[in-house]
Amino acid sequence: MINQVTANVYEFKFTSIDGEIIKLSDFKGKPIVIINTASLCGFTNQYSDIEQLFKNYADKDLTIIAVPSNDFGNQELSSNKEVKDFCTTNFNVSFLLTEITNIKGKNGHPFFNWVKKEAGFLAFPKWNFYKYLIDRNGKLVSWYASVTKPTSTKIITNIEKIILDK
């Protein structure tokens, strides 16, 4: 168990939709966007914008990790295979997908508790498609609620600041 008080983003890991370990430490020096997602949510069409964002900045080292969860309105499909098939068929995603992951409660993923510690209670996801931008040094620099599109000017401006700050 990771100590939330002393943790930094590089201490966290997720399990990919295919069962591989995704260590955030593998992305040191790169900007990272982590988004909690759900396949059957009113915001699910943001997958298209997330894919566009990834394609626009992948050559600038941007890493995007989508974290499917059933914690908000039971809006996720019932298996990792279904989620992967849905995301591939409907949105042709090429960014990283984790397995279906708990976010809330005692079994919630430690990354999201770290977000709350770093940025406060309001930053903790209240619904699907919260977005977290981490700079090249592993610092959480900004977060965005569900209604903020991944290709919004706010997000693009902050990503470009990080990309230029090598």
N, C-alpha and C. Protein backbone atom coordinates (compact mmCIF):
# COMPACT_ATOMS: atom_id res chain seq x y z
N MET A 1 0.85 -1.20 0.00
CA MET A 1 0.00 0.00 0.00
C MET A 1 0.89 1.25 0.00
N ILE A 2 0.55 2.17 -0.86
CA ILE A 2 1.33 3.41 -0.99
C ILE A 2 0.87 4.40 0.07
N ASN A 3 1.83 5.03 0.73
CA ASN A 3 1.54 6.07 1.71
C ASN A 3 1.16 7.34 0.95
N GLN A 4 -0.09 7.74 1.03
CA GLN A 4 -0.60 8.89 0.28
C GLN A 4 0.12 10.20 0.63
N VAL A 5 0.63 10.28 1.84
CA VAL A 5 1.25 11.54 2.29
C VAL A 5 2.59 11.77 1.59
N THR A 6 3.35 10.70 1.37
CA THR A 6 4.68 10.87 0.80
C THR A 6 4.76 10.48 -0.67
N ALA A 7 3.68 10.00 -1.23
CA ALA A 7 3.70 9.48 -2.61
C ALA A 7 3.89 10.60 -3.63
N ASN A 8 4.53 10.25 -4.73
CA ASN A 8 4.50 11.11 -5.90
C ASN A 8 3.90 10.29 -7.03
N VAL A 9 3.55 10.95 -8.12
CA VAL A 9 2.80 10.28 -9.18
C VAL A 9 3.54 9.07 -9.74
N TYR A 10 4.86 9.10 -9.70
CA TYR A 10 5.63 8.01 -10.29
C TYR A 10 5.61 6.73 -9.47
N GLU A 11 5.05 6.77 -8.28
CA GLU A 11 4.94 5.57 -7.46
C GLU A 11 3.69 4.75 -7.81
N PHE A 12 2.81 5.31 -8.61
CA PHE A 12 1.55 4.62 -8.91
C PHE A 12 1.68 3.77 -10.16
N LYS A 13 0.85 2.74 -10.18
CA LYS A 13 0.76 1.91 -11.36
C LYS A 13 -0.69 1.47 -11.53
N PHE A 14 -1.02 1.16 -12.75
CA PHE A 14 -2.33 0.66 -13.11
C PHE A 14 -2.13 -0.67 -13.83
N THR A 15 -3.19 -1.41 -13.98
CA THR A 15 -3.16 -2.61 -14.82
C THR A 15 -3.87 -2.26 -16.12
N SER A 16 -3.22 -2.56 -17.23
CA SER A 16 -3.81 -2.23 -18.53
C SER A 16 -5.01 -3.11 -18.81
N ILE A 17 -5.77 -2.72 -19.80
CA ILE A 17 -6.96 -3.46 -20.22
C ILE A 17 -6.58 -4.88 -20.66
N ASP A 18 -5.30 -5.08 -21.04
CA ASP A 18 -4.81 -6.39 -21.46
C ASP A 18 -4.06 -7.13 -20.36
N GLY A 19 -4.06 -6.55 -19.14
CA GLY A 19 -3.44 -7.24 -18.01
C GLY A 19 -1.98 -6.92 -17.76
N GLU A 20 -1.40 -6.02 -18.54
CA GLU A 20 -0.01 -5.61 -18.34
C GLU A 20 0.05 -4.49 -17.29
N ILE A 21 1.18 -4.36 -16.64
CA ILE A 21 1.35 -3.29 -15.64
C ILE A 21 1.76 -2.00 -16.36
N ILE A 22 1.08 -0.92 -16.03
CA ILE A 22 1.42 0.42 -16.51
C ILE A 22 2.02 1.17 -15.33
N LYS A 23 3.34 1.33 -15.33
CA LYS A 23 4.02 2.06 -14.25
C LYS A 23 4.16 3.52 -14.69
N LEU A 24 3.63 4.42 -13.87
CA LEU A 24 3.76 5.83 -14.23
C LEU A 24 5.21 6.27 -14.24
N SER A 25 6.07 5.57 -13.51
CA SER A 25 7.50 5.91 -13.52
C SER A 25 8.11 5.72 -14.91
N ASP A 26 7.47 4.91 -15.75
CA ASP A 26 7.96 4.74 -17.12
C ASP A 26 7.77 6.00 -17.96
N PHE A 27 7.00 6.94 -17.45
CA PHE A 27 6.70 8.17 -18.20
C PHE A 27 7.37 9.40 -17.60
N LYS A 28 8.39 9.19 -16.77
CA LYS A 28 9.13 10.33 -16.21
C LYS A 28 9.63 11.21 -17.34
N GLY A 29 9.48 12.52 -17.15
CA GLY A 29 9.93 13.47 -18.16
C GLY A 29 8.93 13.71 -19.27
N LYS A 30 7.77 13.09 -19.18
CA LYS A 30 6.75 13.27 -20.20
C LYS A 30 5.48 13.82 -19.58
N PRO A 31 4.74 14.65 -20.31
CA PRO A 31 3.44 15.08 -19.81
C PRO A 31 2.46 13.89 -19.86
N ILE A 32 1.61 13.82 -18.85
CA ILE A 32 0.64 12.73 -18.74
C ILE A 32 -0.74 13.33 -18.50
N VAL A 33 -1.75 12.78 -19.18
CA VAL A 33 -3.14 13.09 -18.89
C VAL A 33 -3.80 11.78 -18.47
N ILE A 34 -4.41 11.79 -17.29
CA ILE A 34 -5.15 10.62 -16.80
C ILE A 34 -6.61 11.02 -16.69
N ILE A 35 -7.49 10.17 -17.25
CA ILE A 35 -8.92 10.48 -17.32
C ILE A 35 -9.71 9.28 -16.83
N ASN A 36 -10.61 9.48 -15.89
CA ASN A 36 -11.52 8.39 -15.51
C ASN A 36 -12.67 8.38 -16.51
N THR A 37 -12.98 7.20 -17.04
CA THR A 37 -13.93 7.10 -18.14
C THR A 37 -15.02 6.06 -17.86
N ALA A 38 -16.02 6.05 -18.72
CA ALA A 38 -17.08 5.04 -18.69
C ALA A 38 -17.69 4.95 -20.09
N SER A 39 -18.00 3.75 -20.52
CA SER A 39 -18.45 3.51 -21.88
C SER A 39 -19.88 3.97 -22.16
N LEU A 40 -20.71 4.05 -21.13
CA LEU A 40 -22.13 4.32 -21.34
C LEU A 40 -22.57 5.65 -20.73
N CYS A 41 -21.67 6.58 -20.64
CA CYS A 41 -21.90 7.88 -20.02
C CYS A 41 -22.29 8.91 -21.09
N GLY A 42 -22.96 9.95 -20.67
CA GLY A 42 -23.28 11.04 -21.57
C GLY A 42 -22.05 11.74 -22.11
N PHE A 43 -20.90 11.59 -21.45
CA PHE A 43 -19.65 12.21 -21.89
C PHE A 43 -18.78 11.25 -22.70
N THR A 44 -19.27 10.05 -22.97
CA THR A 44 -18.46 9.03 -23.65
C THR A 44 -17.93 9.49 -24.99
N ASN A 45 -18.66 10.37 -25.68
CA ASN A 45 -18.16 10.86 -26.96
C ASN A 45 -16.86 11.63 -26.83
N GLN A 46 -16.47 11.99 -25.59
CA GLN A 46 -15.18 12.63 -25.39
C GLN A 46 -14.03 11.71 -25.79
N TYR A 47 -14.28 10.41 -25.89
CA TYR A 47 -13.23 9.51 -26.38
C TYR A 47 -12.69 9.99 -27.72
N SER A 48 -13.55 10.52 -28.58
CA SER A 48 -13.09 11.04 -29.89
C SER A 48 -12.11 12.19 -29.70
N ASP A 49 -12.44 13.10 -28.78
CA ASP A 49 -11.55 14.24 -28.51
C ASP A 49 -10.26 13.79 -27.83
N ILE A 50 -10.36 12.80 -26.97
CA ILE A 50 -9.17 12.27 -26.30
C ILE A 50 -8.23 11.68 -27.35
N GLU A 51 -8.79 10.91 -28.27
CA GLU A 51 -7.98 10.32 -29.34
C GLU A 51 -7.35 11.41 -30.20
N GLN A 52 -8.11 12.46 -30.51
CA GLN A 52 -7.56 13.57 -31.30
C GLN A 52 -6.42 14.25 -30.54
N LEU A 53 -6.62 14.50 -29.27
CA LEU A 53 -5.58 15.10 -28.43
C LEU A 53 -4.32 14.24 -28.46
N PHE A 54 -4.50 12.94 -28.30
CA PHE A 54 -3.36 12.02 -28.31
C PHE A 54 -2.63 12.07 -29.66
N LYS A 55 -3.37 12.01 -30.74
CA LYS A 55 -2.74 12.05 -32.07
C LYS A 55 -2.00 13.36 -32.29
N ASN A 56 -2.57 14.46 -31.80
CA ASN A 56 -1.94 15.78 -32.00
C ASN A 56 -0.64 15.93 -31.24
N TYR A 57 -0.50 15.25 -30.09
CA TYR A 57 0.66 15.48 -29.22
C TYR A 57 1.49 14.24 -28.91
N ALA A 58 1.16 13.11 -29.49
CA ALA A 58 1.93 11.89 -29.22
C ALA A 58 3.40 12.07 -29.61
N ASP A 59 3.66 12.78 -30.69
CA ASP A 59 5.04 13.00 -31.12
C ASP A 59 5.77 14.00 -30.22
N LYS A 60 5.04 14.61 -29.29
CA LYS A 60 5.63 15.54 -28.31
C LYS A 60 5.68 14.87 -26.93
N ASP A 61 5.60 13.54 -26.92
CA ASP A 61 5.73 12.72 -25.71
C ASP A 61 4.50 12.71 -24.80
N LEU A 62 3.35 13.22 -25.25
CA LEU A 62 2.17 13.18 -24.39
C LEU A 62 1.70 11.74 -24.22
N THR A 63 1.49 11.36 -22.97
CA THR A 63 0.91 10.07 -22.64
C THR A 63 -0.49 10.30 -22.12
N ILE A 64 -1.44 9.53 -22.62
CA ILE A 64 -2.81 9.60 -22.12
C ILE A 64 -3.19 8.23 -21.62
N ILE A 65 -3.76 8.21 -20.42
CA ILE A 65 -4.22 6.97 -19.81
C ILE A 65 -5.68 7.14 -19.42
N ALA A 66 -6.55 6.32 -20.01
CA ALA A 66 -7.97 6.32 -19.65
C ALA A 66 -8.19 5.20 -18.64
N VAL A 67 -8.94 5.54 -17.58
CA VAL A 67 -9.19 4.61 -16.49
C VAL A 67 -10.70 4.33 -16.42
N PRO A 68 -11.16 3.28 -17.11
CA PRO A 68 -12.58 2.95 -17.06
C PRO A 68 -13.00 2.57 -15.63
N SER A 69 -14.17 3.04 -15.25
CA SER A 69 -14.68 2.75 -13.91
C SER A 69 -16.20 2.65 -13.94
N ASN A 70 -16.71 1.86 -13.04
CA ASN A 70 -18.16 1.70 -12.91
C ASN A 70 -18.66 2.42 -11.66
N ASP A 71 -17.84 3.30 -11.09
CA ASP A 71 -18.15 3.94 -9.80
C ASP A 71 -19.17 5.07 -9.90
N PHE A 72 -19.41 5.58 -11.07
CA PHE A 72 -20.29 6.74 -11.20
C PHE A 72 -21.47 6.38 -12.10
N GLY A 73 -22.57 6.03 -11.50
CA GLY A 73 -23.79 5.74 -12.23
C GLY A 73 -23.83 4.38 -12.91
N ASN A 74 -22.92 3.47 -12.51
CA ASN A 74 -22.89 2.13 -13.12
C ASN A 74 -22.93 2.22 -14.65
N GLN A 75 -22.03 3.04 -15.20
CA GLN A 75 -22.06 3.31 -16.63
C GLN A 75 -20.93 2.66 -17.41
N GLU A 76 -20.30 1.66 -16.80
CA GLU A 76 -19.25 0.94 -17.52
C GLU A 76 -19.76 -0.44 -17.91
N LEU A 77 -19.21 -0.96 -18.98
CA LEU A 77 -19.56 -2.31 -19.44
C LEU A 77 -19.05 -3.33 -18.42
N SER A 78 -19.45 -4.58 -18.57
CA SER A 78 -19.20 -5.55 -17.50
C SER A 78 -17.85 -6.26 -17.56
N SER A 79 -17.11 -6.12 -18.66
CA SER A 79 -15.81 -6.80 -18.72
C SER A 79 -14.78 -5.92 -19.43
N ASN A 80 -13.51 -6.20 -19.15
CA ASN A 80 -12.43 -5.47 -19.82
C ASN A 80 -12.48 -5.70 -21.33
N LYS A 81 -12.79 -6.92 -21.75
CA LYS A 81 -12.88 -7.21 -23.18
C LYS A 81 -13.96 -6.36 -23.84
N GLU A 82 -15.11 -6.24 -23.18
CA GLU A 82 -16.19 -5.41 -23.75
C GLU A 82 -15.76 -3.95 -23.85
N VAL A 83 -15.08 -3.45 -22.82
CA VAL A 83 -14.60 -2.06 -22.84
C VAL A 83 -13.61 -1.86 -23.98
N LYS A 84 -12.65 -2.76 -24.10
CA LYS A 84 -11.65 -2.63 -25.16
C LYS A 84 -12.32 -2.68 -26.53
N ASP A 85 -13.21 -3.65 -26.73
CA ASP A 85 -13.91 -3.76 -28.01
C ASP A 85 -14.73 -2.50 -28.31
N PHE A 86 -15.42 -1.98 -27.31
CA PHE A 86 -16.23 -0.77 -27.46
C PHE A 86 -15.36 0.42 -27.87
N CYS A 87 -14.26 0.61 -27.15
CA CYS A 87 -13.38 1.76 -27.42
C CYS A 87 -12.69 1.65 -28.77
N THR A 88 -12.32 0.45 -29.14
CA THR A 88 -11.65 0.23 -30.42
C THR A 88 -12.63 0.39 -31.58
N THR A 89 -13.78 -0.24 -31.47
CA THR A 89 -14.77 -0.23 -32.55
C THR A 89 -15.37 1.16 -32.75
N ASN A 90 -15.74 1.82 -31.66
CA ASN A 90 -16.45 3.10 -31.77
C ASN A 90 -15.56 4.32 -31.86
N PHE A 91 -14.35 4.25 -31.28
CA PHE A 91 -13.51 5.45 -31.21
C PHE A 91 -12.08 5.22 -31.71
N ASN A 92 -11.76 3.98 -32.08
CA ASN A 92 -10.43 3.64 -32.60
C ASN A 92 -9.31 4.17 -31.70
N VAL A 93 -9.46 3.99 -30.39
CA VAL A 93 -8.49 4.56 -29.45
C VAL A 93 -7.12 3.91 -29.60
N SER A 94 -6.09 4.74 -29.49
CA SER A 94 -4.72 4.24 -29.56
C SER A 94 -3.93 4.62 -28.30
N PHE A 95 -4.54 5.37 -27.39
CA PHE A 95 -3.90 5.70 -26.12
C PHE A 95 -4.12 4.54 -25.15
N LEU A 96 -3.48 4.62 -23.99
CA LEU A 96 -3.54 3.53 -23.01
C LEU A 96 -4.90 3.46 -22.32
N LEU A 97 -5.40 2.26 -22.16
CA LEU A 97 -6.61 1.98 -21.38
C LEU A 97 -6.23 1.05 -20.23
N THR A 98 -6.72 1.36 -19.05
CA THR A 98 -6.52 0.45 -17.93
C THR A 98 -7.68 -0.53 -17.87
N GLU A 99 -7.53 -1.49 -16.98
CA GLU A 99 -8.66 -2.37 -16.70
C GLU A 99 -9.72 -1.56 -15.97
N ILE A 100 -10.92 -2.09 -15.86
CA ILE A 100 -11.97 -1.43 -15.09
C ILE A 100 -11.46 -1.29 -13.65
N THR A 101 -11.50 -0.07 -13.13
CA THR A 101 -10.81 0.26 -11.88
C THR A 101 -11.74 0.97 -10.92
N ASN A 102 -11.66 0.60 -9.64
CA ASN A 102 -12.40 1.33 -8.60
C ASN A 102 -11.70 2.66 -8.35
N ILE A 103 -12.50 3.70 -8.19
CA ILE A 103 -11.97 5.03 -7.90
C ILE A 103 -12.37 5.47 -6.50
N LYS A 104 -13.61 5.22 -6.14
CA LYS A 104 -14.14 5.66 -4.84
C LYS A 104 -14.02 4.55 -3.79
N GLY A 105 -14.13 4.97 -2.55
CA GLY A 105 -14.23 4.02 -1.45
C GLY A 105 -12.91 3.41 -1.03
N LYS A 106 -13.01 2.45 -0.12
CA LYS A 106 -11.80 1.86 0.47
C LYS A 106 -10.98 1.09 -0.55
N ASN A 107 -11.59 0.64 -1.62
CA ASN A 107 -10.86 -0.06 -2.67
C ASN A 107 -10.50 0.85 -3.84
N GLY A 108 -10.69 2.15 -3.66
CA GLY A 108 -10.38 3.10 -4.72
C GLY A 108 -8.89 3.13 -5.04
N HIS A 109 -8.57 3.35 -6.29
CA HIS A 109 -7.17 3.38 -6.72
C HIS A 109 -6.45 4.52 -6.00
N PRO A 110 -5.24 4.24 -5.48
CA PRO A 110 -4.50 5.27 -4.72
C PRO A 110 -4.19 6.53 -5.50
N PHE A 111 -4.11 6.46 -6.83
CA PHE A 111 -3.85 7.67 -7.62
C PHE A 111 -4.89 8.74 -7.33
N PHE A 112 -6.16 8.34 -7.25
CA PHE A 112 -7.23 9.32 -7.08
C PHE A 112 -7.24 9.90 -5.66
N ASN A 113 -6.82 9.13 -4.68
CA ASN A 113 -6.65 9.68 -3.34
C ASN A 113 -5.49 10.67 -3.31
N TRP A 114 -4.44 10.38 -4.07
CA TRP A 114 -3.31 11.29 -4.20
C TRP A 114 -3.77 12.61 -4.83
N VAL A 115 -4.63 12.52 -5.85
CA VAL A 115 -5.17 13.72 -6.50
C VAL A 115 -5.88 14.59 -5.46
N LYS A 116 -6.69 13.95 -4.62
CA LYS A 116 -7.42 14.71 -3.60
C LYS A 116 -6.44 15.38 -2.63
N LYS A 117 -5.38 14.67 -2.26
CA LYS A 117 -4.37 15.24 -1.36
C LYS A 117 -3.64 16.40 -2.03
N GLU A 118 -3.31 16.24 -3.30
CA GLU A 118 -2.54 17.26 -4.02
C GLU A 118 -3.36 18.49 -4.37
N ALA A 119 -4.61 18.29 -4.78
CA ALA A 119 -5.40 19.40 -5.33
C ALA A 119 -6.68 19.71 -4.55
N GLY A 120 -6.97 18.92 -3.52
CA GLY A 120 -8.14 19.20 -2.71
C GLY A 120 -9.36 18.37 -3.10
N PHE A 121 -10.35 18.41 -2.25
CA PHE A 121 -11.56 17.62 -2.37
C PHE A 121 -12.26 17.82 -3.71
N LEU A 122 -12.29 19.05 -4.21
CA LEU A 122 -13.00 19.34 -5.46
C LEU A 122 -12.38 18.63 -6.66
N ALA A 123 -11.09 18.30 -6.58
CA ALA A 123 -10.41 17.64 -7.69
C ALA A 123 -10.75 16.16 -7.79
N PHE A 124 -11.21 15.57 -6.70
CA PHE A 124 -11.56 14.15 -6.73
C PHE A 124 -12.76 13.95 -7.65
N PRO A 125 -12.74 12.93 -8.51
CA PRO A 125 -13.84 12.77 -9.48
C PRO A 125 -15.21 12.70 -8.80
N LYS A 126 -16.13 13.47 -9.35
CA LYS A 126 -17.53 13.43 -8.91
C LYS A 126 -18.36 12.67 -9.95
N TRP A 127 -17.75 12.44 -11.12
CA TRP A 127 -18.42 11.77 -12.21
C TRP A 127 -17.35 11.26 -13.17
N ASN A 128 -17.76 10.67 -14.26
CA ASN A 128 -16.84 10.18 -15.28
C ASN A 128 -16.23 11.33 -16.07
N PHE A 129 -15.07 11.09 -16.62
CA PHE A 129 -14.36 12.00 -17.51
C PHE A 129 -13.78 13.23 -16.81
N TYR A 130 -13.30 13.05 -15.56
CA TYR A 130 -12.43 14.05 -14.95
C TYR A 130 -11.04 13.85 -15.56
N LYS A 131 -10.34 14.96 -15.79
CA LYS A 131 -9.07 14.91 -16.46
C LYS A 131 -7.98 15.51 -15.56
N TYR A 132 -6.81 14.84 -15.51
CA TYR A 132 -5.71 15.27 -14.65
C TYR A 132 -4.45 15.41 -15.50
N LEU A 133 -3.87 16.61 -15.46
CA LEU A 133 -2.68 16.91 -16.25
C LEU A 133 -1.46 16.94 -15.33
N ILE A 134 -0.49 16.12 -15.67
CA ILE A 134 0.73 15.98 -14.88
C ILE A 134 1.90 16.44 -15.74
N ASP A 135 2.75 17.29 -15.15
CA ASP A 135 3.86 17.84 -15.93
C ASP A 135 5.03 16.85 -16.02
N ARG A 136 6.11 17.28 -16.65
CA ARG A 136 7.28 16.43 -16.89
C ARG A 136 7.99 16.02 -15.61
N ASN A 137 7.71 16.72 -14.51
CA ASN A 137 8.33 16.41 -13.22
C ASN A 137 7.41 15.59 -12.31
N GLY A 138 6.27 15.18 -12.83
CA GLY A 138 5.35 14.37 -12.04
C GLY A 138 4.44 15.17 -11.14
N LYS A 139 4.34 16.47 -11.37
CA LYS A 139 3.48 17.32 -10.55
C LYS A 139 2.11 17.46 -11.20
N LEU A 140 1.06 17.31 -10.40
CA LEU A 140 -0.29 17.56 -10.89
C LEU A 140 -0.44 19.07 -11.06
N VAL A 141 -0.57 19.51 -12.30
CA VAL A 141 -0.61 20.95 -12.55
C VAL A 141 -2.02 21.49 -12.74
N SER A 142 -2.94 20.63 -13.18
CA SER A 142 -4.32 21.08 -13.32
C SER A 142 -5.24 19.88 -13.45
N TRP A 143 -6.51 20.16 -13.18
CA TRP A 143 -7.53 19.13 -13.35
C TRP A 143 -8.77 19.79 -13.93
N TYR A 144 -9.59 18.97 -14.56
CA TYR A 144 -10.76 19.49 -15.26
C TYR A 144 -11.93 18.55 -15.02
N ALA A 145 -13.09 19.12 -14.79
CA ALA A 145 -14.30 18.33 -14.57
C ALA A 145 -14.81 17.75 -15.89
N SER A 146 -15.81 16.93 -15.78
CA SER A 146 -16.38 16.20 -16.92
C SER A 146 -16.76 17.10 -18.08
N VAL A 147 -17.32 18.27 -17.79
CA VAL A 147 -17.84 19.13 -18.85
C VAL A 147 -16.75 19.78 -19.71
N THR A 148 -15.52 19.79 -19.23
CA THR A 148 -14.43 20.37 -20.01
C THR A 148 -13.97 19.37 -21.05
N LYS A 149 -14.10 19.74 -22.31
CA LYS A 149 -13.70 18.84 -23.39
C LYS A 149 -12.18 18.68 -23.42
N PRO A 150 -11.70 17.50 -23.74
CA PRO A 150 -10.25 17.26 -23.80
C PRO A 150 -9.53 18.18 -24.78
N THR A 151 -10.22 18.68 -25.78
CA THR A 151 -9.61 19.58 -26.76
C THR A 151 -9.92 21.05 -26.48
N SER A 152 -10.35 21.34 -25.26
CA SER A 152 -10.66 22.73 -24.91
C SER A 152 -9.39 23.58 -24.92
N THR A 153 -9.57 24.86 -25.09
CA THR A 153 -8.44 25.79 -25.09
C THR A 153 -7.66 25.71 -23.79
N LYS A 154 -8.36 25.57 -22.65
CA LYS A 154 -7.68 25.49 -21.35
C LYS A 154 -6.70 24.32 -21.30
N ILE A 155 -7.19 23.17 -21.71
CA ILE A 155 -6.35 21.97 -21.64
C ILE A 155 -5.20 22.06 -22.64
N ILE A 156 -5.51 22.45 -23.87
CA ILE A 156 -4.48 22.57 -24.91
C ILE A 156 -3.39 23.56 -24.48
N THR A 157 -3.80 24.70 -23.94
CA THR A 157 -2.83 25.72 -23.50
C THR A 157 -1.90 25.15 -22.44
N ASN A 158 -2.44 24.44 -21.46
CA ASN A 158 -1.60 23.87 -20.40
C ASN A 158 -0.71 22.75 -20.90
N ILE A 159 -1.20 21.94 -21.81
CA ILE A 159 -0.36 20.89 -22.38
C ILE A 159 0.80 21.52 -23.15
N GLU A 160 0.50 22.53 -23.93
CA GLU A 160 1.56 23.18 -24.72
C GLU A 160 2.60 23.86 -23.83
N LYS A 161 2.17 24.42 -22.71
CA LYS A 161 3.12 25.01 -21.75
C LYS A 161 4.08 23.93 -21.25
N ILE A 162 3.54 22.77 -20.92
CA ILE A 162 4.37 21.67 -20.42
C ILE A 162 5.31 21.18 -21.51
N ILE A 163 4.80 21.05 -22.72
CA ILE A 163 5.62 20.56 -23.83
C ILE A 163 6.78 21.51 -24.10
N LEU A 164 6.51 22.81 -24.03
CA LEU A 164 7.57 23.80 -24.28
C LEU A 164 8.57 23.91 -23.14
N ASP A 165 8.19 23.47 -21.95
CA ASP A 165 9.03 23.58 -20.76
C ASP A 165 9.88 22.31 -20.60
N LYS A 166 10.83 22.15 -21.49
CA LYS A 166 11.69 20.95 -21.44
C LYS A 166 12.86 21.15 -20.53
